[in-house]
Amino acid sequence: MGTAMTLAATALQLSEAANRKSSPERASLKSLLTLLTKTGGEPVRLVAGSAGEVVVPDLVVDLLRQVSAVLDRGDGVVVSVVARELTTTEAARVLGVSRPTLTAMLDRAEIKSHRVGTHRRVALQDLLAYRRQRVAQQRTAYEALMAEQDELGIYE
């Protein structure tokens, strides 16, 4: 819990600092956003003084770019730790559905779950696998719809 509180507090402080027009954090964020936008797919390296350097994973670079853009707009950022096992409420939030909808999905065994006493838990990896599968199905359905539209000669 300590890490989550630290992440939330740091995110709040950064959001507040980025909102002040003349703060050093705001200027630094603007430079970071400009730099990350210009990478063009090249590896990004993080240099920590004499401690060394490391190549930053692409997903982390994308996260930094998105967070920097949000803060640059003057909006705040909330950071939270996601446990390996989620409650039904947390899992529903990740999927963007209501808890009753998620519960129905669990009842139909669309997503694996297990019980802790009387409560259900969903493994994060199972939830993310389901979300990837659902996105792939949606993409396939969309492509089929576009192909049918082309066959019928329907254009916007």
N, C-alpha and C. Protein backbone atom coordinates (compact mmCIF):
# COMPACT_ATOMS: atom_id res chain seq x y z
N MET A 1 0.83 -1.19 0.00
CA MET A 1 0.00 0.00 0.00
C MET A 1 0.87 1.25 0.00
N GLY A 2 2.05 1.16 0.61
CA GLY A 2 2.93 2.32 0.66
C GLY A 2 3.35 2.79 -0.71
N THR A 3 3.65 1.85 -1.62
CA THR A 3 4.04 2.22 -2.98
C THR A 3 2.91 2.93 -3.70
N ALA A 4 1.70 2.41 -3.56
CA ALA A 4 0.55 3.04 -4.23
C ALA A 4 0.34 4.45 -3.73
N MET A 5 0.47 4.67 -2.43
CA MET A 5 0.29 6.00 -1.88
C MET A 5 1.39 6.92 -2.39
N THR A 6 2.60 6.42 -2.49
CA THR A 6 3.71 7.22 -2.99
C THR A 6 3.48 7.57 -4.46
N LEU A 7 3.04 6.62 -5.27
CA LEU A 7 2.76 6.88 -6.68
C LEU A 7 1.68 7.94 -6.83
N ALA A 8 0.61 7.79 -6.07
CA ALA A 8 -0.50 8.74 -6.17
C ALA A 8 -0.06 10.13 -5.73
N ALA A 9 0.70 10.20 -4.64
CA ALA A 9 1.16 11.50 -4.14
C ALA A 9 2.11 12.16 -5.14
N THR A 10 3.02 11.38 -5.71
CA THR A 10 3.96 11.92 -6.70
C THR A 10 3.21 12.41 -7.94
N ALA A 11 2.24 11.63 -8.41
CA ALA A 11 1.46 12.02 -9.58
C ALA A 11 0.70 13.31 -9.31
N LEU A 12 0.15 13.44 -8.11
CA LEU A 12 -0.59 14.65 -7.75
C LEU A 12 0.35 15.86 -7.71
N GLN A 13 1.51 15.70 -7.09
CA GLN A 13 2.49 16.80 -7.03
C GLN A 13 2.93 17.21 -8.43
N LEU A 14 3.19 16.24 -9.28
CA LEU A 14 3.62 16.53 -10.65
C LEU A 14 2.51 17.23 -11.42
N SER A 15 1.27 16.79 -11.24
CA SER A 15 0.13 17.43 -11.90
C SER A 15 0.01 18.88 -11.48
N GLU A 16 0.17 19.14 -10.17
CA GLU A 16 0.08 20.52 -9.67
C GLU A 16 1.23 21.37 -10.21
N ALA A 17 2.44 20.83 -10.20
CA ALA A 17 3.61 21.59 -10.68
C ALA A 17 3.48 21.89 -12.17
N ALA A 18 2.97 20.94 -12.93
CA ALA A 18 2.83 21.14 -14.38
C ALA A 18 1.78 22.19 -14.70
N ASN A 19 0.87 22.43 -13.77
CA ASN A 19 -0.18 23.43 -13.98
C ASN A 19 0.30 24.85 -13.71
N ARG A 20 1.42 24.98 -12.98
CA ARG A 20 1.97 26.32 -12.73
C ARG A 20 2.75 26.75 -13.97
N LYS A 21 2.41 27.89 -14.51
CA LYS A 21 2.98 28.36 -15.79
C LYS A 21 4.50 28.46 -15.79
N SER A 22 5.08 28.89 -14.67
CA SER A 22 6.52 29.16 -14.68
C SER A 22 7.32 28.14 -13.89
N SER A 23 6.78 26.96 -13.63
CA SER A 23 7.53 25.99 -12.83
C SER A 23 8.61 25.31 -13.67
N PRO A 24 9.72 24.94 -13.03
CA PRO A 24 10.78 24.22 -13.76
C PRO A 24 10.26 22.87 -14.28
N GLU A 25 9.34 22.25 -13.52
CA GLU A 25 8.77 20.97 -13.95
C GLU A 25 8.01 21.12 -15.26
N ARG A 26 7.27 22.22 -15.39
CA ARG A 26 6.49 22.43 -16.62
C ARG A 26 7.42 22.60 -17.82
N ALA A 27 8.48 23.38 -17.65
CA ALA A 27 9.44 23.57 -18.74
C ALA A 27 10.12 22.25 -19.10
N SER A 28 10.48 21.48 -18.08
CA SER A 28 11.12 20.20 -18.31
C SER A 28 10.18 19.23 -19.01
N LEU A 29 8.90 19.22 -18.60
CA LEU A 29 7.91 18.36 -19.24
C LEU A 29 7.71 18.72 -20.71
N LYS A 30 7.70 20.02 -20.98
CA LYS A 30 7.54 20.48 -22.37
C LYS A 30 8.72 19.99 -23.21
N SER A 31 9.92 20.09 -22.67
CA SER A 31 11.11 19.60 -23.38
C SER A 31 11.05 18.08 -23.56
N LEU A 32 10.61 17.38 -22.51
CA LEU A 32 10.49 15.92 -22.59
C LEU A 32 9.50 15.52 -23.66
N LEU A 33 8.35 16.18 -23.70
CA LEU A 33 7.33 15.87 -24.70
C LEU A 33 7.87 16.11 -26.11
N THR A 34 8.55 17.23 -26.30
CA THR A 34 9.13 17.54 -27.61
C THR A 34 10.13 16.46 -28.01
N LEU A 35 10.99 16.09 -27.08
CA LEU A 35 12.01 15.07 -27.35
C LEU A 35 11.38 13.72 -27.67
N LEU A 36 10.41 13.30 -26.86
CA LEU A 36 9.78 11.99 -27.08
C LEU A 36 8.97 11.94 -28.37
N THR A 37 8.45 13.08 -28.79
CA THR A 37 7.68 13.14 -30.03
C THR A 37 8.59 13.01 -31.24
N LYS A 38 9.85 13.43 -31.09
CA LYS A 38 10.79 13.42 -32.21
C LYS A 38 11.64 12.15 -32.30
N THR A 39 11.41 11.16 -31.44
CA THR A 39 12.27 9.97 -31.44
C THR A 39 12.17 9.18 -32.73
N GLY A 40 11.01 9.17 -33.36
CA GLY A 40 10.86 8.48 -34.63
C GLY A 40 11.17 7.00 -34.57
N GLY A 41 10.90 6.36 -33.46
CA GLY A 41 11.12 4.93 -33.34
C GLY A 41 12.53 4.54 -32.95
N GLU A 42 13.43 5.53 -32.84
CA GLU A 42 14.79 5.23 -32.41
C GLU A 42 14.78 4.87 -30.93
N PRO A 43 15.74 4.05 -30.48
CA PRO A 43 15.80 3.70 -29.06
C PRO A 43 16.01 4.95 -28.20
N VAL A 44 15.33 4.97 -27.07
CA VAL A 44 15.49 6.07 -26.11
C VAL A 44 16.32 5.53 -24.95
N ARG A 45 17.34 6.29 -24.57
CA ARG A 45 18.22 5.88 -23.48
C ARG A 45 18.02 6.81 -22.29
N LEU A 46 18.00 6.20 -21.11
CA LEU A 46 17.93 6.95 -19.87
C LEU A 46 19.31 6.92 -19.25
N VAL A 47 19.88 8.10 -19.02
CA VAL A 47 21.21 8.22 -18.44
C VAL A 47 21.06 8.75 -17.03
N ALA A 48 21.64 8.02 -16.07
CA ALA A 48 21.54 8.41 -14.67
C ALA A 48 22.93 8.78 -14.15
N GLY A 49 23.43 9.91 -14.62
CA GLY A 49 24.74 10.38 -14.18
C GLY A 49 25.80 9.32 -14.36
N SER A 50 26.57 9.10 -13.31
CA SER A 50 27.65 8.11 -13.38
C SER A 50 27.15 6.69 -13.08
N ALA A 51 25.87 6.55 -12.75
CA ALA A 51 25.31 5.23 -12.45
C ALA A 51 25.15 4.38 -13.70
N GLY A 52 25.10 5.02 -14.85
CA GLY A 52 25.00 4.27 -16.10
C GLY A 52 23.80 4.68 -16.92
N GLU A 53 23.53 3.87 -17.93
CA GLU A 53 22.40 4.16 -18.82
C GLU A 53 21.70 2.87 -19.19
N VAL A 54 20.46 3.01 -19.64
CA VAL A 54 19.66 1.85 -20.03
C VAL A 54 18.74 2.27 -21.18
N VAL A 55 18.45 1.33 -22.07
CA VAL A 55 17.49 1.59 -23.14
C VAL A 55 16.10 1.45 -22.53
N VAL A 56 15.27 2.46 -22.75
CA VAL A 56 13.91 2.47 -22.20
C VAL A 56 13.00 1.68 -23.14
N PRO A 57 12.24 0.72 -22.59
CA PRO A 57 11.32 -0.05 -23.44
C PRO A 57 10.32 0.86 -24.16
N ASP A 58 9.96 0.49 -25.39
CA ASP A 58 9.06 1.31 -26.21
C ASP A 58 7.74 1.63 -25.50
N LEU A 59 7.19 0.65 -24.78
CA LEU A 59 5.93 0.90 -24.08
C LEU A 59 6.08 1.95 -22.99
N VAL A 60 7.24 1.97 -22.34
CA VAL A 60 7.49 2.98 -21.30
C VAL A 60 7.66 4.35 -21.96
N VAL A 61 8.32 4.38 -23.10
CA VAL A 61 8.47 5.65 -23.85
C VAL A 61 7.10 6.17 -24.23
N ASP A 62 6.23 5.28 -24.72
CA ASP A 62 4.87 5.69 -25.10
C ASP A 62 4.10 6.20 -23.89
N LEU A 63 4.25 5.53 -22.76
CA LEU A 63 3.59 5.98 -21.53
C LEU A 63 4.09 7.36 -21.12
N LEU A 64 5.39 7.56 -21.16
CA LEU A 64 5.96 8.88 -20.83
C LEU A 64 5.45 9.96 -21.79
N ARG A 65 5.35 9.61 -23.07
CA ARG A 65 4.85 10.56 -24.07
C ARG A 65 3.40 10.95 -23.75
N GLN A 66 2.59 9.95 -23.45
CA GLN A 66 1.18 10.22 -23.14
C GLN A 66 1.01 11.04 -21.86
N VAL A 67 1.75 10.66 -20.82
CA VAL A 67 1.67 11.40 -19.55
C VAL A 67 2.15 12.83 -19.74
N SER A 68 3.23 13.01 -20.47
CA SER A 68 3.76 14.35 -20.73
C SER A 68 2.74 15.20 -21.49
N ALA A 69 2.08 14.61 -22.47
CA ALA A 69 1.08 15.34 -23.26
C ALA A 69 -0.11 15.75 -22.39
N VAL A 70 -0.55 14.85 -21.53
CA VAL A 70 -1.68 15.17 -20.63
C VAL A 70 -1.31 16.30 -19.69
N LEU A 71 -0.13 16.21 -19.10
CA LEU A 71 0.31 17.26 -18.17
C LEU A 71 0.54 18.58 -18.90
N ASP A 72 1.04 18.51 -20.12
CA ASP A 72 1.27 19.73 -20.91
C ASP A 72 -0.04 20.45 -21.21
N ARG A 73 -1.13 19.69 -21.36
CA ARG A 73 -2.45 20.29 -21.58
C ARG A 73 -3.00 20.94 -20.32
N GLY A 74 -2.37 20.65 -19.18
CA GLY A 74 -2.85 21.20 -17.92
C GLY A 74 -3.77 20.25 -17.17
N ASP A 75 -3.94 19.05 -17.69
CA ASP A 75 -4.76 18.05 -17.00
C ASP A 75 -3.90 17.31 -15.99
N GLY A 76 -4.54 16.66 -15.04
CA GLY A 76 -3.84 15.87 -14.04
C GLY A 76 -3.71 14.42 -14.46
N VAL A 77 -2.86 13.71 -13.77
CA VAL A 77 -2.62 12.29 -14.03
C VAL A 77 -2.78 11.54 -12.72
N VAL A 78 -3.43 10.39 -12.79
CA VAL A 78 -3.55 9.52 -11.63
C VAL A 78 -2.80 8.23 -11.96
N VAL A 79 -1.96 7.80 -11.04
CA VAL A 79 -1.20 6.57 -11.23
C VAL A 79 -1.60 5.62 -10.12
N SER A 80 -1.86 4.37 -10.48
CA SER A 80 -2.20 3.40 -9.45
C SER A 80 -1.54 2.06 -9.76
N VAL A 81 -1.37 1.29 -8.73
CA VAL A 81 -0.79 -0.04 -8.87
C VAL A 81 -1.94 -1.01 -9.11
N VAL A 82 -1.78 -1.89 -10.09
CA VAL A 82 -2.79 -2.89 -10.36
C VAL A 82 -2.27 -4.22 -9.82
N ALA A 83 -3.05 -4.81 -8.93
CA ALA A 83 -2.65 -6.07 -8.31
C ALA A 83 -2.70 -7.20 -9.34
N ARG A 84 -2.06 -8.30 -9.01
CA ARG A 84 -2.09 -9.46 -9.91
C ARG A 84 -3.47 -10.11 -9.93
N GLU A 85 -4.20 -9.93 -8.83
CA GLU A 85 -5.58 -10.42 -8.77
C GLU A 85 -6.48 -9.24 -8.51
N LEU A 86 -7.58 -9.17 -9.25
CA LEU A 86 -8.48 -8.04 -9.14
C LEU A 86 -9.83 -8.47 -8.61
N THR A 87 -10.48 -7.55 -7.91
CA THR A 87 -11.87 -7.78 -7.52
C THR A 87 -12.72 -7.63 -8.77
N THR A 88 -13.98 -8.02 -8.67
CA THR A 88 -14.86 -7.87 -9.83
C THR A 88 -15.05 -6.41 -10.19
N THR A 89 -15.08 -5.54 -9.21
CA THR A 89 -15.22 -4.10 -9.48
C THR A 89 -14.01 -3.58 -10.23
N GLU A 90 -12.80 -3.95 -9.78
CA GLU A 90 -11.57 -3.51 -10.45
C GLU A 90 -11.48 -4.07 -11.87
N ALA A 91 -11.83 -5.35 -12.02
CA ALA A 91 -11.77 -5.99 -13.34
C ALA A 91 -12.76 -5.34 -14.30
N ALA A 92 -13.94 -5.01 -13.80
CA ALA A 92 -14.94 -4.35 -14.65
C ALA A 92 -14.42 -3.00 -15.11
N ARG A 93 -13.75 -2.27 -14.22
CA ARG A 93 -13.20 -0.96 -14.58
C ARG A 93 -12.15 -1.09 -15.68
N VAL A 94 -11.30 -2.11 -15.59
CA VAL A 94 -10.27 -2.33 -16.61
C VAL A 94 -10.90 -2.57 -17.98
N LEU A 95 -11.99 -3.33 -18.01
CA LEU A 95 -12.66 -3.64 -19.28
C LEU A 95 -13.60 -2.55 -19.74
N GLY A 96 -13.95 -1.64 -18.83
CA GLY A 96 -14.88 -0.58 -19.20
C GLY A 96 -16.32 -1.08 -19.27
N VAL A 97 -16.65 -2.04 -18.42
CA VAL A 97 -18.02 -2.56 -18.35
C VAL A 97 -18.51 -2.44 -16.91
N SER A 98 -19.80 -2.65 -16.72
CA SER A 98 -20.34 -2.60 -15.36
C SER A 98 -19.98 -3.89 -14.62
N ARG A 99 -20.02 -3.83 -13.30
CA ARG A 99 -19.72 -5.02 -12.51
C ARG A 99 -20.72 -6.15 -12.80
N PRO A 100 -22.04 -5.85 -12.91
CA PRO A 100 -22.98 -6.93 -13.25
C PRO A 100 -22.68 -7.57 -14.62
N THR A 101 -22.24 -6.77 -15.58
CA THR A 101 -21.87 -7.32 -16.89
C THR A 101 -20.68 -8.24 -16.75
N LEU A 102 -19.68 -7.82 -15.98
CA LEU A 102 -18.50 -8.66 -15.76
C LEU A 102 -18.91 -9.95 -15.06
N THR A 103 -19.75 -9.85 -14.06
CA THR A 103 -20.21 -11.03 -13.32
C THR A 103 -20.89 -12.02 -14.26
N ALA A 104 -21.70 -11.51 -15.18
CA ALA A 104 -22.35 -12.38 -16.17
C ALA A 104 -21.30 -13.05 -17.05
N MET A 105 -20.26 -12.33 -17.41
CA MET A 105 -19.18 -12.90 -18.23
C MET A 105 -18.47 -14.01 -17.46
N LEU A 106 -18.27 -13.80 -16.16
CA LEU A 106 -17.63 -14.81 -15.33
C LEU A 106 -18.53 -16.04 -15.21
N ASP A 107 -19.84 -15.81 -15.07
CA ASP A 107 -20.80 -16.92 -14.98
C ASP A 107 -20.77 -17.77 -16.25
N ARG A 108 -20.57 -17.14 -17.41
CA ARG A 108 -20.51 -17.85 -18.69
C ARG A 108 -19.11 -18.40 -18.96
N ALA A 109 -18.19 -18.21 -18.02
CA ALA A 109 -16.80 -18.68 -18.13
C ALA A 109 -16.07 -18.07 -19.31
N GLU A 110 -16.43 -16.84 -19.68
CA GLU A 110 -15.71 -16.13 -20.74
C GLU A 110 -14.34 -15.69 -20.23
N ILE A 111 -14.26 -15.47 -18.93
CA ILE A 111 -13.01 -15.08 -18.27
C ILE A 111 -12.85 -15.99 -17.07
N LYS A 112 -11.65 -16.51 -16.87
CA LYS A 112 -11.39 -17.37 -15.71
C LYS A 112 -11.48 -16.54 -14.43
N SER A 113 -11.98 -17.16 -13.39
CA SER A 113 -12.00 -16.51 -12.08
C SER A 113 -11.96 -17.61 -11.02
N HIS A 114 -11.70 -17.19 -9.81
CA HIS A 114 -11.76 -18.13 -8.68
C HIS A 114 -12.36 -17.40 -7.49
N ARG A 115 -12.73 -18.16 -6.50
CA ARG A 115 -13.37 -17.56 -5.33
C ARG A 115 -12.40 -17.49 -4.16
N VAL A 116 -12.53 -16.39 -3.42
CA VAL A 116 -11.83 -16.21 -2.15
C VAL A 116 -12.96 -16.01 -1.15
N GLY A 117 -13.31 -17.09 -0.46
CA GLY A 117 -14.50 -17.04 0.38
C GLY A 117 -15.72 -16.94 -0.52
N THR A 118 -16.50 -15.90 -0.32
CA THR A 118 -17.70 -15.70 -1.15
C THR A 118 -17.44 -14.73 -2.30
N HIS A 119 -16.24 -14.18 -2.37
CA HIS A 119 -15.92 -13.17 -3.38
C HIS A 119 -15.13 -13.77 -4.53
N ARG A 120 -15.34 -13.22 -5.70
CA ARG A 120 -14.60 -13.67 -6.89
C ARG A 120 -13.37 -12.81 -7.09
N ARG A 121 -12.35 -13.43 -7.66
CA ARG A 121 -11.14 -12.72 -8.05
C ARG A 121 -10.80 -13.12 -9.48
N VAL A 122 -10.23 -12.16 -10.20
CA VAL A 122 -9.84 -12.39 -11.59
C VAL A 122 -8.34 -12.10 -11.70
N ALA A 123 -7.60 -13.04 -12.26
CA ALA A 123 -6.17 -12.82 -12.45
C ALA A 123 -5.97 -11.76 -13.53
N LEU A 124 -5.07 -10.82 -13.28
CA LEU A 124 -4.80 -9.75 -14.24
C LEU A 124 -4.43 -10.31 -15.61
N GLN A 125 -3.58 -11.34 -15.64
CA GLN A 125 -3.16 -11.91 -16.93
C GLN A 125 -4.34 -12.49 -17.70
N ASP A 126 -5.30 -13.11 -17.00
CA ASP A 126 -6.49 -13.64 -17.68
C ASP A 126 -7.35 -12.51 -18.22
N LEU A 127 -7.47 -11.44 -17.45
CA LEU A 127 -8.28 -10.30 -17.87
C LEU A 127 -7.67 -9.63 -19.10
N LEU A 128 -6.35 -9.45 -19.09
CA LEU A 128 -5.68 -8.83 -20.23
C LEU A 128 -5.74 -9.72 -21.46
N ALA A 129 -5.64 -11.04 -21.27
CA ALA A 129 -5.76 -11.97 -22.40
C ALA A 129 -7.16 -11.88 -23.00
N TYR A 130 -8.18 -11.79 -22.16
CA TYR A 130 -9.56 -11.64 -22.66
C TYR A 130 -9.70 -10.34 -23.44
N ARG A 131 -9.13 -9.27 -22.89
CA ARG A 131 -9.24 -7.97 -23.57
C ARG A 131 -8.56 -8.00 -24.94
N ARG A 132 -7.39 -8.63 -25.02
CA ARG A 132 -6.70 -8.76 -26.31
C ARG A 132 -7.55 -9.56 -27.30
N GLN A 133 -8.14 -10.65 -26.81
CA GLN A 133 -9.00 -11.48 -27.66
C GLN A 133 -10.21 -10.69 -28.14
N ARG A 134 -10.81 -9.92 -27.26
CA ARG A 134 -11.99 -9.13 -27.62
C ARG A 134 -11.64 -8.06 -28.66
N VAL A 135 -10.49 -7.42 -28.49
CA VAL A 135 -10.05 -6.40 -29.46
C VAL A 135 -9.82 -7.06 -30.82
N ALA A 136 -9.20 -8.24 -30.83
CA ALA A 136 -8.96 -8.95 -32.09
C ALA A 136 -10.28 -9.32 -32.77
N GLN A 137 -11.27 -9.77 -31.98
CA GLN A 137 -12.58 -10.10 -32.54
C GLN A 137 -13.26 -8.87 -33.11
N GLN A 138 -13.17 -7.76 -32.39
CA GLN A 138 -13.77 -6.52 -32.87
C GLN A 138 -13.12 -6.07 -34.17
N ARG A 139 -11.80 -6.20 -34.25
CA ARG A 139 -11.08 -5.80 -35.46
C ARG A 139 -11.50 -6.68 -36.65
N THR A 140 -11.61 -7.98 -36.41
CA THR A 140 -12.05 -8.91 -37.47
C THR A 140 -13.46 -8.57 -37.94
N ALA A 141 -14.36 -8.30 -37.00
CA ALA A 141 -15.74 -7.95 -37.35
C ALA A 141 -15.78 -6.65 -38.14
N TYR A 142 -14.97 -5.68 -37.74
CA TYR A 142 -14.91 -4.40 -38.44
C TYR A 142 -14.40 -4.59 -39.87
N GLU A 143 -13.35 -5.38 -40.02
CA GLU A 143 -12.80 -5.62 -41.35
C GLU A 143 -13.81 -6.35 -42.24
N ALA A 144 -14.56 -7.29 -41.67
CA ALA A 144 -15.60 -7.99 -42.44
C ALA A 144 -16.69 -7.02 -42.87
N LEU A 145 -17.06 -6.12 -41.98
CA LEU A 145 -18.07 -5.12 -42.30
C LEU A 145 -17.59 -4.19 -43.42
N MET A 146 -16.33 -3.78 -43.35
CA MET A 146 -15.78 -2.91 -44.40
C MET A 146 -15.72 -3.64 -45.74
N ALA A 147 -15.37 -4.94 -45.71
CA ALA A 147 -15.33 -5.72 -46.95
C ALA A 147 -16.72 -5.85 -47.55
N GLU A 148 -17.72 -6.07 -46.70
CA GLU A 148 -19.10 -6.17 -47.18
C GLU A 148 -19.56 -4.82 -47.75
N GLN A 149 -19.17 -3.75 -47.11
CA GLN A 149 -19.50 -2.40 -47.60
C GLN A 149 -18.92 -2.19 -48.99
N ASP A 150 -17.67 -2.63 -49.18
CA ASP A 150 -17.03 -2.51 -50.50
C ASP A 150 -17.76 -3.35 -51.55
N GLU A 151 -18.15 -4.58 -51.16
CA GLU A 151 -18.86 -5.46 -52.10
C GLU A 151 -20.18 -4.86 -52.54
N LEU A 152 -20.86 -4.20 -51.61
CA LEU A 152 -22.17 -3.62 -51.91
C LEU A 152 -22.06 -2.24 -52.55
N GLY A 153 -20.84 -1.72 -52.60
CA GLY A 153 -20.64 -0.40 -53.20
C GLY A 153 -21.15 0.74 -52.35
N ILE A 154 -21.17 0.53 -51.04
CA ILE A 154 -21.63 1.57 -50.12
C ILE A 154 -20.41 2.38 -49.68
N TYR A 155 -20.44 3.67 -49.98
CA TYR A 155 -19.34 4.54 -49.59
C TYR A 155 -19.91 5.78 -48.92
N GLU A 156 -19.17 6.30 -48.01
CA GLU A 156 -19.62 7.53 -47.34
C GLU A 156 -19.25 8.74 -48.15
